[in-house]
Amino acid sequence: MENIEKKIKENQKRNKKFMKEFEEWLKEKSLSDKTIKKHLSNVDLFINDYLNYYDVETAEEGITSVYSFLNGWFIEKCMWATPYTTKEEAASIKKFYAYMSEKGYVEKEDYKFLCEELKDSMDEILDTLEAFDNGTYYDMF
């Protein structure tokens, strides 16, 4: 258990660098402070909570976990999950990986795949959210 906690702390420390750079990147895009704060909060939830929840996954590795985050963990664990906040979370993560791609931390092809995956699966994710909210979520399995 102690080893896992150490890995999580190391991962969160690594993520601080990405978050700082991401914040600067967002500022360069001339976004409002409020919008920047929202993106940072959304990305922090993904890279520091979700990617360390089941196993310790780096932000770079996390690009392949966005769908499972949005279509499961976010819906189940975040009581504020609505169609609006789910789309907002997806948009923030997409921006984060745009930055990661631009800086060379993830492959451009992986980023393109993520964008397509989110575009193609958002209706399904929102259907899952609706099923969770109306009590039929577990009937899906």
N, C-alpha and C. Protein backbone atom coordinates (compact mmCIF):
# COMPACT_ATOMS: atom_id res chain seq x y z
N MET A 1 0.84 -1.20 0.00
CA MET A 1 0.00 0.00 0.00
C MET A 1 0.87 1.25 0.00
N GLU A 2 1.92 1.23 0.78
CA GLU A 2 2.82 2.38 0.87
C GLU A 2 3.45 2.70 -0.48
N ASN A 3 3.77 1.65 -1.26
CA ASN A 3 4.37 1.83 -2.57
C ASN A 3 3.40 2.53 -3.53
N ILE A 4 2.12 2.16 -3.47
CA ILE A 4 1.10 2.79 -4.32
C ILE A 4 0.97 4.26 -3.96
N GLU A 5 0.92 4.56 -2.68
CA GLU A 5 0.81 5.96 -2.24
C GLU A 5 2.01 6.77 -2.72
N LYS A 6 3.18 6.17 -2.69
CA LYS A 6 4.38 6.85 -3.17
C LYS A 6 4.28 7.12 -4.67
N LYS A 7 3.81 6.13 -5.43
CA LYS A 7 3.65 6.30 -6.87
C LYS A 7 2.63 7.40 -7.19
N ILE A 8 1.55 7.44 -6.41
CA ILE A 8 0.53 8.47 -6.61
C ILE A 8 1.12 9.85 -6.35
N LYS A 9 1.84 10.00 -5.26
CA LYS A 9 2.47 11.29 -4.92
C LYS A 9 3.44 11.73 -6.02
N GLU A 10 4.24 10.79 -6.52
CA GLU A 10 5.18 11.10 -7.61
C GLU A 10 4.43 11.53 -8.87
N ASN A 11 3.34 10.84 -9.17
CA ASN A 11 2.55 11.16 -10.34
C ASN A 11 1.92 12.56 -10.20
N GLN A 12 1.40 12.85 -9.03
CA GLN A 12 0.79 14.16 -8.79
C GLN A 12 1.85 15.27 -8.87
N LYS A 13 3.05 14.97 -8.40
CA LYS A 13 4.14 15.94 -8.50
C LYS A 13 4.48 16.22 -9.97
N ARG A 14 4.57 15.15 -10.77
CA ARG A 14 4.81 15.29 -12.22
C ARG A 14 3.71 16.14 -12.86
N ASN A 15 2.47 15.89 -12.43
CA ASN A 15 1.33 16.58 -13.02
C ASN A 15 1.34 18.08 -12.74
N LYS A 16 1.97 18.50 -11.65
CA LYS A 16 2.05 19.94 -11.35
C LYS A 16 2.76 20.68 -12.47
N LYS A 17 3.77 20.06 -13.03
CA LYS A 17 4.51 20.67 -14.15
C LYS A 17 3.57 20.84 -15.35
N PHE A 18 2.83 19.79 -15.66
CA PHE A 18 1.90 19.86 -16.78
C PHE A 18 0.82 20.92 -16.53
N MET A 19 0.31 20.97 -15.32
CA MET A 19 -0.76 21.92 -15.01
C MET A 19 -0.25 23.36 -15.12
N LYS A 20 0.95 23.59 -14.68
CA LYS A 20 1.53 24.94 -14.77
C LYS A 20 1.71 25.33 -16.24
N GLU A 21 2.28 24.43 -17.02
CA GLU A 21 2.48 24.69 -18.45
C GLU A 21 1.14 24.84 -19.17
N PHE A 22 0.17 24.02 -18.80
CA PHE A 22 -1.15 24.09 -19.41
C PHE A 22 -1.80 25.45 -19.11
N GLU A 23 -1.65 25.91 -17.89
CA GLU A 23 -2.20 27.22 -17.52
C GLU A 23 -1.58 28.32 -18.37
N GLU A 24 -0.27 28.27 -18.54
CA GLU A 24 0.41 29.27 -19.38
C GLU A 24 -0.06 29.17 -20.83
N TRP A 25 -0.23 27.96 -21.32
CA TRP A 25 -0.71 27.72 -22.68
C TRP A 25 -2.10 28.32 -22.87
N LEU A 26 -2.97 28.12 -21.87
CA LEU A 26 -4.32 28.67 -21.93
C LEU A 26 -4.29 30.21 -21.93
N LYS A 27 -3.38 30.76 -21.13
CA LYS A 27 -3.26 32.23 -21.07
C LYS A 27 -2.82 32.77 -22.43
N GLU A 28 -1.94 32.05 -23.10
CA GLU A 28 -1.49 32.46 -24.44
C GLU A 28 -2.64 32.46 -25.44
N LYS A 29 -3.68 31.68 -25.15
CA LYS A 29 -4.85 31.60 -26.03
C LYS A 29 -5.84 32.72 -25.71
N SER A 30 -5.49 33.58 -24.78
CA SER A 30 -6.32 34.73 -24.37
C SER A 30 -7.68 34.33 -23.81
N LEU A 31 -7.72 33.24 -23.08
CA LEU A 31 -8.97 32.84 -22.43
C LEU A 31 -9.14 33.64 -21.15
N SER A 32 -10.37 33.79 -20.70
CA SER A 32 -10.63 34.53 -19.47
C SER A 32 -10.10 33.74 -18.27
N ASP A 33 -9.84 34.44 -17.18
CA ASP A 33 -9.37 33.78 -15.97
C ASP A 33 -10.38 32.74 -15.48
N LYS A 34 -11.66 33.06 -15.59
CA LYS A 34 -12.71 32.13 -15.16
C LYS A 34 -12.67 30.85 -15.99
N THR A 35 -12.51 30.98 -17.29
CA THR A 35 -12.45 29.81 -18.18
C THR A 35 -11.20 28.99 -17.90
N ILE A 36 -10.08 29.66 -17.71
CA ILE A 36 -8.83 28.96 -17.39
C ILE A 36 -8.98 28.17 -16.10
N LYS A 37 -9.56 28.80 -15.09
CA LYS A 37 -9.75 28.15 -13.79
C LYS A 37 -10.62 26.89 -13.95
N LYS A 38 -11.67 26.99 -14.76
CA LYS A 38 -12.57 25.84 -14.98
C LYS A 38 -11.82 24.71 -15.68
N HIS A 39 -11.06 25.03 -16.73
CA HIS A 39 -10.28 24.00 -17.43
C HIS A 39 -9.30 23.33 -16.48
N LEU A 40 -8.61 24.11 -15.67
CA LEU A 40 -7.63 23.55 -14.74
C LEU A 40 -8.30 22.62 -13.73
N SER A 41 -9.43 23.04 -13.22
CA SER A 41 -10.16 22.23 -12.25
C SER A 41 -10.62 20.91 -12.88
N ASN A 42 -11.16 21.00 -14.09
CA ASN A 42 -11.63 19.79 -14.78
C ASN A 42 -10.49 18.82 -15.07
N VAL A 43 -9.37 19.35 -15.54
CA VAL A 43 -8.22 18.51 -15.88
C VAL A 43 -7.61 17.92 -14.61
N ASP A 44 -7.56 18.70 -13.55
CA ASP A 44 -7.03 18.20 -12.27
C ASP A 44 -7.82 16.98 -11.81
N LEU A 45 -9.13 17.03 -11.92
CA LEU A 45 -9.97 15.88 -11.55
C LEU A 45 -9.56 14.65 -12.36
N PHE A 46 -9.35 14.83 -13.64
CA PHE A 46 -9.00 13.70 -14.50
C PHE A 46 -7.60 13.16 -14.21
N ILE A 47 -6.58 14.04 -14.22
CA ILE A 47 -5.21 13.53 -14.12
C ILE A 47 -4.77 13.21 -12.69
N ASN A 48 -5.34 13.89 -11.70
CA ASN A 48 -4.89 13.65 -10.33
C ASN A 48 -5.82 12.76 -9.51
N ASP A 49 -7.08 12.67 -9.91
CA ASP A 49 -8.00 11.78 -9.20
C ASP A 49 -8.24 10.49 -9.99
N TYR A 50 -8.82 10.63 -11.17
CA TYR A 50 -9.16 9.43 -11.93
C TYR A 50 -7.93 8.60 -12.32
N LEU A 51 -6.90 9.24 -12.84
CA LEU A 51 -5.75 8.47 -13.32
C LEU A 51 -4.95 7.83 -12.18
N ASN A 52 -5.27 8.17 -10.94
CA ASN A 52 -4.63 7.54 -9.78
C ASN A 52 -5.62 6.70 -8.97
N TYR A 53 -6.81 6.51 -9.49
CA TYR A 53 -7.88 5.85 -8.72
C TYR A 53 -7.77 4.33 -8.74
N TYR A 54 -7.73 3.74 -9.92
CA TYR A 54 -7.67 2.29 -10.04
C TYR A 54 -6.23 1.79 -10.09
N ASP A 55 -5.41 2.55 -10.75
CA ASP A 55 -4.00 2.25 -10.92
C ASP A 55 -3.33 3.60 -11.07
N VAL A 56 -2.04 3.64 -11.12
CA VAL A 56 -1.35 4.91 -11.31
C VAL A 56 -0.99 5.03 -12.78
N GLU A 57 -1.69 5.94 -13.45
CA GLU A 57 -1.49 6.19 -14.87
C GLU A 57 -0.96 7.61 -15.04
N THR A 58 0.02 7.78 -15.89
CA THR A 58 0.55 9.12 -16.13
C THR A 58 -0.43 9.90 -17.02
N ALA A 59 -0.26 11.21 -17.05
CA ALA A 59 -1.10 12.05 -17.91
C ALA A 59 -0.95 11.63 -19.37
N GLU A 60 0.27 11.29 -19.75
CA GLU A 60 0.51 10.86 -21.13
C GLU A 60 -0.26 9.58 -21.44
N GLU A 61 -0.23 8.62 -20.54
CA GLU A 61 -0.96 7.37 -20.73
C GLU A 61 -2.47 7.59 -20.70
N GLY A 62 -2.89 8.60 -19.96
CA GLY A 62 -4.31 8.87 -19.75
C GLY A 62 -5.08 9.23 -21.00
N ILE A 63 -4.39 9.59 -22.06
CA ILE A 63 -5.08 9.95 -23.29
C ILE A 63 -5.96 8.80 -23.79
N THR A 64 -5.61 7.58 -23.43
CA THR A 64 -6.41 6.42 -23.87
C THR A 64 -7.52 6.07 -22.86
N SER A 65 -7.62 6.83 -21.78
CA SER A 65 -8.59 6.53 -20.72
C SER A 65 -9.72 7.54 -20.62
N VAL A 66 -9.76 8.49 -21.51
CA VAL A 66 -10.76 9.57 -21.41
C VAL A 66 -12.18 9.04 -21.56
N TYR A 67 -12.39 8.17 -22.52
CA TYR A 67 -13.73 7.60 -22.73
C TYR A 67 -14.21 6.88 -21.47
N SER A 68 -13.38 6.01 -20.91
CA SER A 68 -13.80 5.25 -19.73
C SER A 68 -14.04 6.17 -18.53
N PHE A 69 -13.30 7.24 -18.46
CA PHE A 69 -13.51 8.24 -17.41
C PHE A 69 -14.88 8.89 -17.58
N LEU A 70 -15.16 9.40 -18.77
CA LEU A 70 -16.40 10.13 -18.99
C LEU A 70 -17.63 9.22 -18.99
N ASN A 71 -17.47 8.00 -19.46
CA ASN A 71 -18.61 7.09 -19.59
C ASN A 71 -18.82 6.22 -18.35
N GLY A 72 -18.02 6.40 -17.34
CA GLY A 72 -18.16 5.58 -16.14
C GLY A 72 -17.87 6.36 -14.87
N TRP A 73 -16.61 6.51 -14.57
CA TRP A 73 -16.18 7.11 -13.30
C TRP A 73 -16.79 8.49 -13.07
N PHE A 74 -16.72 9.35 -14.06
CA PHE A 74 -17.25 10.71 -13.89
C PHE A 74 -18.74 10.66 -13.56
N ILE A 75 -19.48 9.82 -14.25
CA ILE A 75 -20.92 9.70 -14.03
C ILE A 75 -21.21 9.12 -12.64
N GLU A 76 -20.46 8.11 -12.26
CA GLU A 76 -20.71 7.41 -10.99
C GLU A 76 -20.21 8.19 -9.76
N LYS A 77 -19.09 8.86 -9.89
CA LYS A 77 -18.45 9.47 -8.72
C LYS A 77 -18.73 10.96 -8.55
N CYS A 78 -19.11 11.64 -9.61
CA CYS A 78 -19.26 13.10 -9.54
C CYS A 78 -20.75 13.45 -9.57
N MET A 79 -21.26 13.80 -8.42
CA MET A 79 -22.69 14.07 -8.29
C MET A 79 -23.15 15.25 -9.14
N TRP A 80 -22.21 16.08 -9.57
CA TRP A 80 -22.54 17.24 -10.38
C TRP A 80 -22.56 16.92 -11.88
N ALA A 81 -22.42 15.65 -12.22
CA ALA A 81 -22.41 15.26 -13.64
C ALA A 81 -23.79 15.50 -14.26
N THR A 82 -23.81 16.38 -15.24
CA THR A 82 -25.00 16.69 -16.03
C THR A 82 -24.55 16.67 -17.49
N PRO A 83 -25.46 16.73 -18.44
CA PRO A 83 -24.99 16.83 -19.82
C PRO A 83 -24.04 18.02 -20.01
N TYR A 84 -24.34 19.15 -19.40
CA TYR A 84 -23.49 20.33 -19.54
C TYR A 84 -22.11 20.11 -18.94
N THR A 85 -22.05 19.62 -17.70
CA THR A 85 -20.74 19.45 -17.05
C THR A 85 -19.93 18.33 -17.70
N THR A 86 -20.62 17.34 -18.25
CA THR A 86 -19.92 16.25 -18.94
C THR A 86 -19.27 16.78 -20.22
N LYS A 87 -20.00 17.58 -20.97
CA LYS A 87 -19.43 18.19 -22.18
C LYS A 87 -18.31 19.16 -21.82
N GLU A 88 -18.49 19.87 -20.73
CA GLU A 88 -17.47 20.82 -20.27
C GLU A 88 -16.19 20.07 -19.87
N GLU A 89 -16.35 18.97 -19.17
CA GLU A 89 -15.21 18.13 -18.77
C GLU A 89 -14.48 17.62 -20.01
N ALA A 90 -15.25 17.13 -20.97
CA ALA A 90 -14.66 16.62 -22.22
C ALA A 90 -13.90 17.73 -22.94
N ALA A 91 -14.46 18.91 -22.99
CA ALA A 91 -13.81 20.04 -23.67
C ALA A 91 -12.49 20.40 -22.99
N SER A 92 -12.49 20.40 -21.68
CA SER A 92 -11.26 20.73 -20.93
C SER A 92 -10.18 19.69 -21.18
N ILE A 93 -10.56 18.43 -21.15
CA ILE A 93 -9.59 17.35 -21.38
C ILE A 93 -9.06 17.43 -22.80
N LYS A 94 -9.93 17.72 -23.75
CA LYS A 94 -9.50 17.88 -25.14
C LYS A 94 -8.48 19.02 -25.26
N LYS A 95 -8.75 20.13 -24.60
CA LYS A 95 -7.81 21.26 -24.62
C LYS A 95 -6.48 20.84 -23.99
N PHE A 96 -6.55 20.10 -22.88
CA PHE A 96 -5.34 19.64 -22.21
C PHE A 96 -4.49 18.79 -23.15
N TYR A 97 -5.14 17.88 -23.86
CA TYR A 97 -4.37 17.02 -24.76
C TYR A 97 -3.96 17.74 -26.03
N ALA A 98 -4.63 18.82 -26.39
CA ALA A 98 -4.15 19.68 -27.48
C ALA A 98 -2.81 20.29 -27.07
N TYR A 99 -2.76 20.78 -25.84
CA TYR A 99 -1.50 21.32 -25.29
C TYR A 99 -0.44 20.22 -25.23
N MET A 100 -0.81 19.04 -24.72
CA MET A 100 0.15 17.94 -24.58
C MET A 100 0.70 17.53 -25.95
N SER A 101 -0.16 17.55 -26.96
CA SER A 101 0.25 17.20 -28.32
C SER A 101 1.17 18.28 -28.90
N GLU A 102 0.78 19.52 -28.71
CA GLU A 102 1.58 20.63 -29.23
C GLU A 102 2.98 20.64 -28.63
N LYS A 103 3.09 20.27 -27.37
CA LYS A 103 4.39 20.26 -26.68
C LYS A 103 5.17 18.96 -26.91
N GLY A 104 4.55 17.99 -27.57
CA GLY A 104 5.25 16.74 -27.87
C GLY A 104 5.19 15.70 -26.76
N TYR A 105 4.34 15.90 -25.76
CA TYR A 105 4.20 14.92 -24.67
C TYR A 105 3.38 13.71 -25.10
N VAL A 106 2.46 13.91 -26.05
CA VAL A 106 1.69 12.81 -26.62
C VAL A 106 1.75 12.93 -28.13
N GLU A 107 1.52 11.83 -28.81
CA GLU A 107 1.57 11.82 -30.27
C GLU A 107 0.37 12.58 -30.85
N LYS A 108 0.61 13.29 -31.93
CA LYS A 108 -0.47 14.02 -32.60
C LYS A 108 -1.58 13.08 -33.05
N GLU A 109 -1.19 11.89 -33.50
CA GLU A 109 -2.19 10.90 -33.93
C GLU A 109 -3.07 10.46 -32.77
N ASP A 110 -2.49 10.32 -31.59
CA ASP A 110 -3.28 9.95 -30.41
C ASP A 110 -4.28 11.06 -30.06
N TYR A 111 -3.84 12.30 -30.21
CA TYR A 111 -4.73 13.43 -29.95
C TYR A 111 -5.87 13.45 -30.96
N LYS A 112 -5.56 13.23 -32.23
CA LYS A 112 -6.60 13.20 -33.27
C LYS A 112 -7.60 12.08 -32.98
N PHE A 113 -7.07 10.92 -32.56
CA PHE A 113 -7.96 9.80 -32.23
C PHE A 113 -8.88 10.17 -31.07
N LEU A 114 -8.33 10.83 -30.04
CA LEU A 114 -9.13 11.25 -28.90
C LEU A 114 -10.27 12.17 -29.36
N CYS A 115 -9.96 13.13 -30.19
CA CYS A 115 -10.98 14.06 -30.68
C CYS A 115 -12.09 13.33 -31.42
N GLU A 116 -11.72 12.40 -32.27
CA GLU A 116 -12.71 11.62 -33.01
C GLU A 116 -13.53 10.75 -32.05
N GLU A 117 -12.84 10.12 -31.11
CA GLU A 117 -13.53 9.26 -30.15
C GLU A 117 -14.57 10.05 -29.36
N LEU A 118 -14.20 11.23 -28.90
CA LEU A 118 -15.14 12.03 -28.12
C LEU A 118 -16.32 12.49 -28.98
N LYS A 119 -16.02 12.89 -30.21
CA LYS A 119 -17.08 13.32 -31.12
C LYS A 119 -18.06 12.17 -31.39
N ASP A 120 -17.51 11.00 -31.64
CA ASP A 120 -18.33 9.84 -31.99
C ASP A 120 -19.07 9.23 -30.81
N SER A 121 -18.58 9.43 -29.60
CA SER A 121 -19.17 8.74 -28.45
C SER A 121 -19.93 9.65 -27.49
N MET A 122 -19.98 10.95 -27.74
CA MET A 122 -20.63 11.85 -26.77
C MET A 122 -22.11 11.50 -26.57
N ASP A 123 -22.82 11.16 -27.62
CA ASP A 123 -24.23 10.79 -27.45
C ASP A 123 -24.36 9.56 -26.56
N GLU A 124 -23.49 8.59 -26.76
CA GLU A 124 -23.50 7.38 -25.93
C GLU A 124 -23.19 7.73 -24.46
N ILE A 125 -22.21 8.59 -24.25
CA ILE A 125 -21.85 9.01 -22.89
C ILE A 125 -23.05 9.70 -22.22
N LEU A 126 -23.71 10.57 -22.96
CA LEU A 126 -24.87 11.27 -22.40
C LEU A 126 -26.04 10.32 -22.16
N ASP A 127 -26.19 9.29 -22.99
CA ASP A 127 -27.20 8.26 -22.74
C ASP A 127 -26.89 7.49 -21.46
N THR A 128 -25.62 7.20 -21.24
CA THR A 128 -25.20 6.52 -20.01
C THR A 128 -25.50 7.39 -18.79
N LEU A 129 -25.22 8.67 -18.90
CA LEU A 129 -25.52 9.61 -17.82
C LEU A 129 -27.01 9.63 -17.53
N GLU A 130 -27.81 9.68 -18.56
CA GLU A 130 -29.27 9.69 -18.38
C GLU A 130 -29.74 8.40 -17.70
N ALA A 131 -29.18 7.27 -18.12
CA ALA A 131 -29.53 5.98 -17.50
C ALA A 131 -29.15 5.97 -16.03
N PHE A 132 -28.00 6.54 -15.72
CA PHE A 132 -27.57 6.61 -14.31
C PHE A 132 -28.55 7.46 -13.51
N ASP A 133 -28.92 8.60 -14.07
CA ASP A 133 -29.81 9.53 -13.38
C ASP A 133 -31.22 8.96 -13.21
N ASN A 134 -31.69 8.15 -14.15
CA ASN A 134 -33.05 7.63 -14.03
C ASN A 134 -33.11 6.21 -13.45
N GLY A 135 -31.96 5.72 -12.99
CA GLY A 135 -31.94 4.44 -12.27
C GLY A 135 -31.85 3.19 -13.12
N THR A 136 -31.61 3.33 -14.40
CA THR A 136 -31.52 2.14 -15.26
C THR A 136 -30.08 1.82 -15.66
N TYR A 137 -29.13 2.53 -15.09
CA TYR A 137 -27.71 2.37 -15.44
C TYR A 137 -27.23 0.94 -15.27
N TYR A 138 -27.51 0.35 -14.13
CA TYR A 138 -26.99 -0.99 -13.86
C TYR A 138 -27.72 -2.06 -14.67
N ASP A 139 -28.87 -1.72 -15.24
CA ASP A 139 -29.57 -2.62 -16.13
C ASP A 139 -28.84 -2.78 -17.46
N MET A 140 -27.93 -1.84 -17.74
CA MET A 140 -27.19 -1.85 -19.01
C MET A 140 -26.15 -2.97 -19.05
N PHE A 141 -25.84 -3.56 -17.88
CA PHE A 141 -24.77 -4.57 -17.83
C PHE A 141 -25.32 -5.97 -17.70
